[in-house]
Every structure is written in structure tokens, then in C-alpha cells.
Amino acid sequence: MTGRSILLRNAAVPAIRTAISVLGLSIVSACSTAGDFGRIEGDVAALAYQPADTTAGLASSLAISDEERDFQSRLQRFMNMDQGSGWFADVTRKLRISTGKQPTEQDYFIWLRDDYSGSIAGAYGRIGNDVQTDLLTLPGLFTSICGVERVDQQRHIAAGQIPTTPPETLAGLEERRMQNQQDIADFGRVLHFRYNSYSYALEQMLVEAPSESARYVDAKLSELAEYLGRSENNAYCDAQIRAEAPRSRFAGPIEQASAGQNMPVAL
């Protein structure tokens, strides 16, 4: 992935700033343009579904570590979103069946607008809930990825210190390392896609139906941006991101009580 600086998320977009200001939602800096982290490449639809046995594709000649099993299990849940809203799998499946095309970062907004055509509050609430669902899965996933990377490092060190390690085992170690890195890269691509999809949807909602609810959604996107930045820098083993009060680029404080009122739970 070739993403632009995370700082560009705060770049001014005059047209949106003017529109929101006129409607009384004064902002310090306007919404990011979709793709602040760069466009992702490849077919993310192919990543929407993982096999039930997620370890089946790993090199069978090596033992599968507990860390790898945990990562594969968490990765499957994240890709399928079977514990959350399911929008990613839903959008990618419908596109594949109806058009045969790959999803784009605009498709989430199209799907959102169709499902919540009669409720602006519900649409904002859905974006916020979808972002929050991802945020709840990411700490464990990042810890799990870090564990897999450390196992690969430990395998390499151990093999270098044991001269009797068979050549086929050494080859298997490299194959497994490459497989793990590919799975980690796939996770990063989907996280990237979701972030840009949420950002685009928020921007379009602000243009079509500005609402105070945007403050809370934007604050959640700021939290997600921190994880995306770590992912793009392959910094999965960095210190845990501390939970802080929601922060928005929009002017004015965000209070938890008002956030709850502005963000109805989407069913």
C-alpha cells in the first residue's frame, strides 16, 4: 500500500467546510477526502470470506503455533464480520453476484443510503456502530499479529542455532513466514478499505444531510485512523493505543451524554 501521510486527514476541504458552517456546524478543519491513506489495490471482495478451517492453507509440514491459530480465528471473524454488522461481506457478495465487479470505497455509502433512506439519524448511527465494531476487534487482532511475527522470529533464531535442522524444515519455515505475512497484508488491505469507505460515507452524509451526529462519528474515525497508521507502518507490536475521549475535527467538545443521544444504536 502506498498511502499518503496520516496528517492529510486534517486537510481543509473548502466546499464541505462552507456547507457545514452555513448550517451551524462550525468546524476547525473539514473532512478528509476518501483515500487519504491511498487507494488499495487488488480484489478485496475475495477477502470477504475465509474458509471454516483457516489454518488449512498453512504449510502442513510445520506445527501450527497457538499464536497462529489465534490469529487465523480472529482474522476470519474480522473478514466475515459474523460478530458485527456484516456490511462488508454483504456489499462484496451483492456486487459479485449482481455485477461481477470489485467493490469500491463508494459502495458502502450507496448501501447505507439504500438501507437508511428514511432515517438520517439511523444512517449516522450505522456508520458510528460499524466503526465501533471494528475498533472493538482491533486491539486483540494487533496483539495476535504481533504474536505471530514473534513466533516467526523465534523460529528463525532457533533454526540458526540448531545445525541439524533439515533443509526441508528450513524451506517450510520460510514458506510459513511468507504465508503469515500475506495474511497480515490482507488484513491491512481490508482495514484500509473500511476506513476509506467510512470516511467517504461521512463526507457524503455531511454534504447531503449535515447533522451534529457527525461529531461523534468523526471522533470514532480518528481512533480508527490511529490503528490504520500503525498497520501501514507494520507497527503491530507497538505499545497499545490508549483509549481516550472521542476526538473530532469539528469545533466544540464532545460529551459522552450528548454522543449517546446523537448516535442511536442501529439495529
C-alpha atoms as a PDB file:
ATOM      1  CA  MET A   1       0.000   0.000   0.000  1.00  0.00           C
ATOM      2  CA  THR A   2       1.183   3.432  -0.822  1.00  0.00           C
ATOM      3  CA  GLY A   3      -0.652   5.776   1.491  1.00  0.00           C
ATOM      4  CA  ARG A   4      -0.266   9.461   1.921  1.00  0.00           C
ATOM      5  CA  SER A   5       0.551  10.936   5.297  1.00  0.00           C
ATOM      6  CA  ILE A   6      -2.000  10.475   8.041  1.00  0.00           C
ATOM      7  CA  LEU A   7      -1.737  14.220   8.607  1.00  0.00           C
ATOM      8  CA  LEU A   8      -3.626  14.800   5.369  1.00  0.00           C
ATOM      9  CA  ARG A   9      -6.732  13.542   7.136  1.00  0.00           C
ATOM     10  CA  ASN A  10      -6.982  17.045   8.598  1.00  0.00           C
ATOM     11  CA  ALA A  11      -6.535  18.852   5.282  1.00  0.00           C
ATOM     12  CA  ALA A  12      -9.143  21.519   4.605  1.00  0.00           C
ATOM     13  CA  VAL A  13     -11.883  20.870   2.068  1.00  0.00           C
ATOM     14  CA  PRO A  14     -13.337  24.368   1.481  1.00  0.00           C
ATOM     15  CA  ALA A  15     -16.615  23.255  -0.078  1.00  0.00           C
ATOM     16  CA  ILE A  16     -17.552  20.993   2.827  1.00  0.00           C
ATOM     17  CA  ARG A  17     -16.344  23.498   5.423  1.00  0.00           C
ATOM     18  CA  THR A  18     -18.528  26.219   3.897  1.00  0.00           C
ATOM     19  CA  ALA A  19     -21.581  23.985   3.685  1.00  0.00           C
ATOM     20  CA  ILE A  20     -21.323  22.853   7.287  1.00  0.00           C
ATOM     21  CA  SER A  21     -20.613  26.338   8.614  1.00  0.00           C
ATOM     22  CA  VAL A  22     -23.688  27.729   6.898  1.00  0.00           C
ATOM     23  CA  LEU A  23     -25.794  25.105   8.650  1.00  0.00           C
ATOM     24  CA  GLY A  24     -24.334  25.922  12.049  1.00  0.00           C
ATOM     25  CA  LEU A  25     -21.858  23.053  12.345  1.00  0.00           C
ATOM     26  CA  SER A  26     -18.707  25.127  12.537  1.00  0.00           C
ATOM     27  CA  ILE A  27     -15.592  23.038  12.023  1.00  0.00           C
ATOM     28  CA  VAL A  28     -11.907  23.561  12.569  1.00  0.00           C
ATOM     29  CA  SER A  29     -10.880  21.501   9.591  1.00  0.00           C
ATOM     30  CA  ALA A  30     -13.043  19.699   7.141  1.00  0.00           C
ATOM     31  CA  CYS A  31     -13.476  16.076   6.358  1.00  0.00           C
ATOM     32  CA  SER A  32     -10.715  14.138   4.768  1.00  0.00           C
ATOM     33  CA  THR A  33     -11.050  13.108   1.183  1.00  0.00           C
ATOM     34  CA  ALA A  34     -11.608   9.388   0.758  1.00  0.00           C
ATOM     35  CA  GLY A  35      -8.257   7.853   0.125  1.00  0.00           C
ATOM     36  CA  ASP A  36      -6.131   9.931   2.496  1.00  0.00           C
ATOM     37  CA  PHE A  37      -4.194   6.737   3.060  1.00  0.00           C
ATOM     38  CA  GLY A  38      -4.118   5.990  -0.666  1.00  0.00           C
ATOM     39  CA  ARG A  39      -6.275   3.638  -2.669  1.00  0.00           C
ATOM     40  CA  ILE A  40      -5.952  -0.038  -2.056  1.00  0.00           C
ATOM     41  CA  GLU A  41      -5.167  -2.355  -4.897  1.00  0.00           C
ATOM     42  CA  GLY A  42      -6.392  -5.846  -5.598  1.00  0.00           C
ATOM     43  CA  ASP A  43      -9.686  -7.637  -5.093  1.00  0.00           C
ATOM     44  CA  VAL A  44     -10.886  -7.050  -1.540  1.00  0.00           C
ATOM     45  CA  ALA A  45     -14.064  -8.972  -2.353  1.00  0.00           C
ATOM     46  CA  ALA A  46     -12.000 -12.136  -2.467  1.00  0.00           C
ATOM     47  CA  LEU A  47     -11.033 -11.482   1.154  1.00  0.00           C
ATOM     48  CA  ALA A  48     -14.597 -11.156   2.418  1.00  0.00           C
ATOM     49  CA  TYR A  49     -14.957 -14.848   3.088  1.00  0.00           C
ATOM     50  CA  GLN A  50     -12.485 -17.181   4.715  1.00  0.00           C
ATOM     51  CA  PRO A  51     -12.765 -20.993   4.914  1.00  0.00           C
ATOM     52  CA  ALA A  52     -14.023 -22.503   8.149  1.00  0.00           C
ATOM     53  CA  ASP A  53     -10.613 -24.083   8.761  1.00  0.00           C
ATOM     54  CA  THR A  54      -8.446 -21.008   8.421  1.00  0.00           C
ATOM     55  CA  THR A  55      -5.251 -22.932   9.140  1.00  0.00           C
ATOM     56  CA  ALA A  56      -5.769 -25.324   6.213  1.00  0.00           C
ATOM     57  CA  GLY A  57      -3.707 -23.171   3.870  1.00  0.00           C
ATOM     58  CA  LEU A  58      -0.681 -23.006   6.129  1.00  0.00           C
ATOM     59  CA  ALA A  59       2.353 -25.113   5.312  1.00  0.00           C
ATOM     60  CA  SER A  60       1.363 -28.556   6.594  1.00  0.00           C
ATOM     61  CA  SER A  61       4.933 -29.701   7.205  1.00  0.00           C
ATOM     62  CA  LEU A  62       5.233 -27.441  10.251  1.00  0.00           C
ATOM     63  CA  ALA A  63       3.421 -27.426  13.544  1.00  0.00           C
ATOM     64  CA  ILE A  64       0.854 -24.645  13.791  1.00  0.00           C
ATOM     65  CA  SER A  65       1.544 -22.490  16.824  1.00  0.00           C
ATOM     66  CA  ASP A  66      -1.129 -21.351  19.249  1.00  0.00           C
ATOM     67  CA  GLU A  67      -0.393 -17.790  18.143  1.00  0.00           C
ATOM     68  CA  GLU A  68      -1.095 -18.688  14.519  1.00  0.00           C
ATOM     69  CA  ARG A  69      -4.357 -20.429  15.387  1.00  0.00           C
ATOM     70  CA  ASP A  70      -5.487 -17.437  17.409  1.00  0.00           C
ATOM     71  CA  PHE A  71      -4.599 -15.040  14.603  1.00  0.00           C
ATOM     72  CA  GLN A  72      -6.388 -17.089  11.954  1.00  0.00           C
ATOM     73  CA  SER A  73      -9.503 -17.287  14.111  1.00  0.00           C
ATOM     74  CA  ARG A  74      -9.524 -13.535  14.742  1.00  0.00           C
ATOM     75  CA  LEU A  75      -8.780 -12.810  11.091  1.00  0.00           C
ATOM     76  CA  GLN A  76     -11.715 -14.923   9.955  1.00  0.00           C
ATOM     77  CA  ARG A  77     -14.089 -13.093  12.276  1.00  0.00           C
ATOM     78  CA  PHE A  78     -12.795  -9.724  11.096  1.00  0.00           C
ATOM     79  CA  MET A  79     -13.091 -10.611   7.412  1.00  0.00           C
ATOM     80  CA  ASN A  80     -16.546 -12.117   7.730  1.00  0.00           C
ATOM     81  CA  MET A  81     -17.839  -9.661  10.331  1.00  0.00           C
ATOM     82  CA  ASP A  82     -20.005 -12.506  11.628  1.00  0.00           C
ATOM     83  CA  GLN A  83     -19.922 -10.963  15.094  1.00  0.00           C
ATOM     84  CA  GLY A  84     -20.808  -7.474  13.905  1.00  0.00           C
ATOM     85  CA  SER A  85     -22.775  -5.631  11.304  1.00  0.00           C
ATOM     86  CA  GLY A  86     -21.926  -7.752   8.286  1.00  0.00           C
ATOM     87  CA  TRP A  87     -21.854  -4.839   5.848  1.00  0.00           C
ATOM     88  CA  PHE A  88     -18.502  -5.737   4.284  1.00  0.00           C
ATOM     89  CA  ALA A  89     -19.496  -9.280   3.385  1.00  0.00           C
ATOM     90  CA  ASP A  90     -22.956  -8.099   2.325  1.00  0.00           C
ATOM     91  CA  VAL A  91     -21.663  -5.422  -0.036  1.00  0.00           C
ATOM     92  CA  THR A  92     -18.969  -7.584  -1.596  1.00  0.00           C
ATOM     93  CA  ARG A  93     -21.322 -10.546  -2.064  1.00  0.00           C
ATOM     94  CA  LYS A  94     -24.029  -8.475  -3.764  1.00  0.00           C
ATOM     95  CA  LEU A  95     -21.534  -6.840  -6.100  1.00  0.00           C
ATOM     96  CA  ARG A  96     -20.010 -10.156  -7.085  1.00  0.00           C
ATOM     97  CA  ILE A  97     -23.403 -11.755  -7.734  1.00  0.00           C
ATOM     98  CA  SER A  98     -25.100  -8.826  -9.492  1.00  0.00           C
ATOM     99  CA  THR A  99     -22.259  -7.256 -11.470  1.00  0.00           C
ATOM    100  CA  GLY A 100     -19.137  -9.365 -11.091  1.00  0.00           C
ATOM    101  CA  LYS A 101     -17.285  -6.173 -10.152  1.00  0.00           C
ATOM    102  CA  GLN A 102     -14.954  -5.436  -7.295  1.00  0.00           C
ATOM    103  CA  PRO A 103     -16.287  -3.196  -4.526  1.00  0.00           C
ATOM    104  CA  THR A 104     -15.140   0.392  -4.339  1.00  0.00           C
ATOM    105  CA  GLU A 105     -14.912   2.759  -1.392  1.00  0.00           C
ATOM    106  CA  GLN A 106     -18.167   4.394  -2.537  1.00  0.00           C
ATOM    107  CA  ASP A 107     -20.237   1.210  -2.296  1.00  0.00           C
ATOM    108  CA  TYR A 108     -20.625   1.368   1.486  1.00  0.00           C
ATOM    109  CA  PHE A 109     -22.316   4.766   1.210  1.00  0.00           C
ATOM    110  CA  ILE A 110     -24.607   3.510  -1.558  1.00  0.00           C
ATOM    111  CA  TRP A 111     -25.545   0.510   0.581  1.00  0.00           C
ATOM    112  CA  LEU A 112     -26.023   2.754   3.631  1.00  0.00           C
ATOM    113  CA  ARG A 113     -28.249   5.202   1.778  1.00  0.00           C
ATOM    114  CA  ASP A 114     -30.453   2.400   0.456  1.00  0.00           C
ATOM    115  CA  ASP A 115     -30.873   0.768   3.871  1.00  0.00           C
ATOM    116  CA  TYR A 116     -31.448   4.010   5.801  1.00  0.00           C
ATOM    117  CA  SER A 117     -33.248   6.118   3.209  1.00  0.00           C
ATOM    118  CA  GLY A 118     -35.885   7.147   5.749  1.00  0.00           C
ATOM    119  CA  SER A 119     -33.665   7.917   8.722  1.00  0.00           C
ATOM    120  CA  ILE A 120     -30.747  10.346   8.722  1.00  0.00           C
ATOM    121  CA  ALA A 121     -30.091   9.652  12.396  1.00  0.00           C
ATOM    122  CA  GLY A 122     -30.087   5.943  11.649  1.00  0.00           C
ATOM    123  CA  ALA A 123     -27.555   6.376   8.844  1.00  0.00           C
ATOM    124  CA  TYR A 124     -25.146   8.314  11.044  1.00  0.00           C
ATOM    125  CA  GLY A 125     -25.737   5.806  13.809  1.00  0.00           C
ATOM    126  CA  ARG A 126     -24.928   2.931  11.496  1.00  0.00           C
ATOM    127  CA  ILE A 127     -21.595   4.439  10.434  1.00  0.00           C
ATOM    128  CA  GLY A 128     -20.664   5.017  14.059  1.00  0.00           C
ATOM    129  CA  ASN A 129     -21.668   1.499  15.056  1.00  0.00           C
ATOM    130  CA  ASP A 130     -19.754  -0.077  12.178  1.00  0.00           C
ATOM    131  CA  VAL A 131     -16.610   1.862  13.059  1.00  0.00           C
ATOM    132  CA  GLN A 132     -17.020   0.931  16.723  1.00  0.00           C
ATOM    133  CA  THR A 133     -17.427  -2.744  15.821  1.00  0.00           C
ATOM    134  CA  ASP A 134     -14.081  -2.635  14.040  1.00  0.00           C
ATOM    135  CA  LEU A 135     -12.470  -0.773  16.933  1.00  0.00           C
ATOM    136  CA  LEU A 136     -13.543  -3.479  19.361  1.00  0.00           C
ATOM    137  CA  THR A 137     -11.825  -6.190  17.299  1.00  0.00           C
ATOM    138  CA  LEU A 138      -8.559  -4.374  16.574  1.00  0.00           C
ATOM    139  CA  PRO A 139      -6.708  -4.493  19.926  1.00  0.00           C
ATOM    140  CA  GLY A 140      -6.911  -8.281  20.033  1.00  0.00           C
ATOM    141  CA  LEU A 141      -6.035  -8.599  16.355  1.00  0.00           C
ATOM    142  CA  PHE A 142      -2.983  -6.380  16.660  1.00  0.00           C
ATOM    143  CA  THR A 143      -1.776  -8.330  19.701  1.00  0.00           C
ATOM    144  CA  SER A 144      -2.348 -11.572  17.816  1.00  0.00           C
ATOM    145  CA  ILE A 145      -0.426 -10.355  14.749  1.00  0.00           C
ATOM    146  CA  CYS A 146       2.435  -9.294  16.994  1.00  0.00           C
ATOM    147  CA  GLY A 147       2.484 -12.791  18.473  1.00  0.00           C
ATOM    148  CA  VAL A 148       2.697 -14.394  15.026  1.00  0.00           C
ATOM    149  CA  GLU A 149       5.562 -12.119  13.997  1.00  0.00           C
ATOM    150  CA  ARG A 150       7.468 -13.010  17.147  1.00  0.00           C
ATOM    151  CA  VAL A 151       6.938 -16.729  16.569  1.00  0.00           C
ATOM    152  CA  ASP A 152       8.395 -16.393  13.072  1.00  0.00           C
ATOM    153  CA  GLN A 153      11.406 -14.556  14.507  1.00  0.00           C
ATOM    154  CA  GLN A 154      11.899 -17.187  17.197  1.00  0.00           C
ATOM    155  CA  ARG A 155      11.721 -19.979  14.624  1.00  0.00           C
ATOM    156  CA  HIS A 156      14.413 -18.295  12.566  1.00  0.00           C
ATOM    157  CA  ILE A 157      16.662 -17.858  15.599  1.00  0.00           C
ATOM    158  CA  ALA A 158      16.171 -21.446  16.733  1.00  0.00           C
ATOM    159  CA  ALA A 159      16.873 -22.841  13.264  1.00  0.00           C
ATOM    160  CA  GLY A 160      20.088 -20.822  13.092  1.00  0.00           C
ATOM    161  CA  GLN A 161      21.285 -22.282  16.377  1.00  0.00           C
ATOM    162  CA  ILE A 162      20.457 -25.910  15.598  1.00  0.00           C
ATOM    163  CA  PRO A 163      22.787 -27.146  12.834  1.00  0.00           C
ATOM    164  CA  THR A 164      20.870 -30.405  12.387  1.00  0.00           C
ATOM    165  CA  THR A 165      17.729 -28.631  11.145  1.00  0.00           C
ATOM    166  CA  PRO A 166      16.772 -30.419   7.879  1.00  0.00           C
ATOM    167  CA  PRO A 167      16.712 -28.364   4.645  1.00  0.00           C
ATOM    168  CA  GLU A 168      13.041 -29.152   4.118  1.00  0.00           C
ATOM    169  CA  THR A 169      12.256 -27.718   7.542  1.00  0.00           C
ATOM    170  CA  LEU A 170      14.164 -24.547   6.714  1.00  0.00           C
ATOM    171  CA  ALA A 171      12.173 -24.265   3.492  1.00  0.00           C
ATOM    172  CA  GLY A 172       8.968 -24.809   5.431  1.00  0.00           C
ATOM    173  CA  LEU A 173       9.886 -22.056   7.867  1.00  0.00           C
ATOM    174  CA  GLU A 174      10.293 -19.567   5.051  1.00  0.00           C
ATOM    175  CA  GLU A 175       7.068 -20.709   3.402  1.00  0.00           C
ATOM    176  CA  ARG A 176       5.161 -20.287   6.664  1.00  0.00           C
ATOM    177  CA  ARG A 177       6.670 -16.853   7.273  1.00  0.00           C
ATOM    178  CA  MET A 178       5.593 -15.724   3.806  1.00  0.00           C
ATOM    179  CA  GLN A 179       2.095 -17.119   4.335  1.00  0.00           C
ATOM    180  CA  ASN A 180       1.766 -15.309   7.644  1.00  0.00           C
ATOM    181  CA  GLN A 181       2.967 -12.063   6.109  1.00  0.00           C
ATOM    182  CA  GLN A 182       0.458 -12.407   3.270  1.00  0.00           C
ATOM    183  CA  ASP A 183      -2.391 -12.900   5.731  1.00  0.00           C
ATOM    184  CA  ILE A 184      -1.244  -9.857   7.700  1.00  0.00           C
ATOM    185  CA  ALA A 185      -1.070  -7.828   4.481  1.00  0.00           C
ATOM    186  CA  ASP A 186      -4.596  -8.955   3.546  1.00  0.00           C
ATOM    187  CA  PHE A 187      -5.849  -7.768   6.920  1.00  0.00           C
ATOM    188  CA  GLY A 188      -4.194  -4.399   6.339  1.00  0.00           C
ATOM    189  CA  ARG A 189      -5.838  -4.059   2.926  1.00  0.00           C
ATOM    190  CA  VAL A 190      -9.307  -4.694   4.329  1.00  0.00           C
ATOM    191  CA  LEU A 191      -8.762  -2.312   7.254  1.00  0.00           C
ATOM    192  CA  HIS A 192      -7.604   0.308   4.755  1.00  0.00           C
ATOM    193  CA  PHE A 193     -10.681  -0.289   2.585  1.00  0.00           C
ATOM    194  CA  ARG A 194     -13.071   0.003   5.507  1.00  0.00           C
ATOM    195  CA  TYR A 195     -11.517   3.211   6.803  1.00  0.00           C
ATOM    196  CA  ASN A 196     -11.769   4.887   3.406  1.00  0.00           C
ATOM    197  CA  SER A 197     -15.333   3.593   2.995  1.00  0.00           C
ATOM    198  CA  TYR A 198     -16.395   5.070   6.337  1.00  0.00           C
ATOM    199  CA  SER A 199     -14.653   8.369   5.576  1.00  0.00           C
ATOM    200  CA  TYR A 200     -16.340   8.679   2.196  1.00  0.00           C
ATOM    201  CA  ALA A 201     -19.740   7.870   3.698  1.00  0.00           C
ATOM    202  CA  LEU A 202     -19.345  10.502   6.419  1.00  0.00           C
ATOM    203  CA  GLU A 203     -18.314  13.124   3.888  1.00  0.00           C
ATOM    204  CA  GLN A 204     -21.294  12.399   1.662  1.00  0.00           C
ATOM    205  CA  MET A 205     -23.678  12.421   4.617  1.00  0.00           C
ATOM    206  CA  LEU A 206     -22.335  15.823   5.642  1.00  0.00           C
ATOM    207  CA  VAL A 207     -22.970  17.133   2.142  1.00  0.00           C
ATOM    208  CA  GLU A 208     -26.448  15.644   1.799  1.00  0.00           C
ATOM    209  CA  ALA A 209     -27.748  15.832   5.384  1.00  0.00           C
ATOM    210  CA  PRO A 210     -25.485  17.667   7.877  1.00  0.00           C
ATOM    211  CA  SER A 211     -26.050  16.643  11.477  1.00  0.00           C
ATOM    212  CA  GLU A 212     -24.494  17.112  14.907  1.00  0.00           C
ATOM    213  CA  SER A 213     -24.122  13.325  14.947  1.00  0.00           C
ATOM    214  CA  ALA A 214     -21.154  13.780  12.616  1.00  0.00           C
ATOM    215  CA  ARG A 215     -19.039  14.895  15.581  1.00  0.00           C
ATOM    216  CA  TYR A 216     -19.189  11.510  17.262  1.00  0.00           C
ATOM    217  CA  VAL A 217     -18.702   9.556  14.048  1.00  0.00           C
ATOM    218  CA  ASP A 218     -15.670  11.645  13.148  1.00  0.00           C
ATOM    219  CA  ALA A 219     -14.180  11.086  16.589  1.00  0.00           C
ATOM    220  CA  LYS A 220     -14.502   7.334  16.098  1.00  0.00           C
ATOM    221  CA  LEU A 221     -12.853   7.627  12.698  1.00  0.00           C
ATOM    222  CA  SER A 222      -9.944   9.423  14.361  1.00  0.00           C
ATOM    223  CA  GLU A 223      -9.495   6.408  16.634  1.00  0.00           C
ATOM    224  CA  LEU A 224      -9.623   4.066  13.652  1.00  0.00           C
ATOM    225  CA  ALA A 225      -7.045   6.216  11.844  1.00  0.00           C
ATOM    226  CA  GLU A 226      -4.552   5.552  14.647  1.00  0.00           C
ATOM    227  CA  TYR A 227      -4.844   1.811  14.121  1.00  0.00           C
ATOM    228  CA  LEU A 228      -4.628   2.193  10.361  1.00  0.00           C
ATOM    229  CA  GLY A 229      -1.467   4.248  10.713  1.00  0.00           C
ATOM    230  CA  ARG A 230       0.102   1.521  12.829  1.00  0.00           C
ATOM    231  CA  SER A 231      -0.968  -1.120  10.339  1.00  0.00           C
ATOM    232  CA  GLU A 232       0.501   0.760   7.389  1.00  0.00           C
ATOM    233  CA  ASN A 233       3.776   1.109   9.303  1.00  0.00           C
ATOM    234  CA  ASN A 234       3.683  -2.580  10.273  1.00  0.00           C
ATOM    235  CA  ALA A 235       3.830  -1.458  13.907  1.00  0.00           C
ATOM    236  CA  TYR A 236       1.647  -4.188  15.363  1.00  0.00           C
ATOM    237  CA  CYS A 237       3.948  -4.711  18.324  1.00  0.00           C
ATOM    238  CA  ASP A 238       3.955  -1.061  19.391  1.00  0.00           C
ATOM    239  CA  ALA A 239       2.527  -0.109  22.762  1.00  0.00           C
ATOM    240  CA  GLN A 240      -1.229  -0.469  22.984  1.00  0.00           C
ATOM    241  CA  ILE A 241      -3.184   2.555  21.820  1.00  0.00           C
ATOM    242  CA  ARG A 242      -4.770   4.029  24.915  1.00  0.00           C
ATOM    243  CA  ALA A 243      -8.481   4.645  24.900  1.00  0.00           C
ATOM    244  CA  GLU A 244      -9.144   8.346  25.069  1.00  0.00           C
ATOM    245  CA  ALA A 245     -12.211  10.539  24.992  1.00  0.00           C
ATOM    246  CA  PRO A 246     -13.626  10.765  21.467  1.00  0.00           C
ATOM    247  CA  ARG A 247     -11.973  13.489  19.444  1.00  0.00           C
ATOM    248  CA  SER A 248     -13.463  15.204  16.443  1.00  0.00           C
ATOM    249  CA  ARG A 249     -12.070  17.673  13.963  1.00  0.00           C
ATOM    250  CA  PHE A 250     -15.278  19.634  14.385  1.00  0.00           C
ATOM    251  CA  ALA A 251     -15.258  22.592  16.751  1.00  0.00           C
ATOM    252  CA  GLY A 252     -16.673  22.178  20.224  1.00  0.00           C
ATOM    253  CA  PRO A 253     -16.299  19.472  22.879  1.00  0.00           C
ATOM    254  CA  ILE A 254     -17.930  16.105  22.537  1.00  0.00           C
ATOM    255  CA  GLU A 255     -19.674  14.907  25.654  1.00  0.00           C
ATOM    256  CA  GLN A 256     -20.436  11.264  26.161  1.00  0.00           C
ATOM    257  CA  ALA A 257     -24.026  12.001  27.155  1.00  0.00           C
ATOM    258  CA  SER A 258     -24.790  14.014  24.045  1.00  0.00           C
ATOM    259  CA  ALA A 259     -22.921  11.489  21.917  1.00  0.00           C
ATOM    260  CA  GLY A 260     -25.303   8.820  23.103  1.00  0.00           C
ATOM    261  CA  GLN A 261     -28.273  10.969  22.173  1.00  0.00           C
ATOM    262  CA  ASN A 262     -26.873  11.816  18.769  1.00  0.00           C
ATOM    263  CA  MET A 263     -25.898   8.247  17.954  1.00  0.00           C
ATOM    264  CA  PRO A 264     -28.921   5.930  18.142  1.00  0.00           C
ATOM    265  CA  VAL A 265     -27.977   2.297  18.013  1.00  0.00           C
ATOM    266  CA  ALA A 266     -28.616   0.857  14.572  1.00  0.00           C
ATOM    267  CA  LEU A 267     -30.471  -2.427  14.754  1.00  0.00           C
END
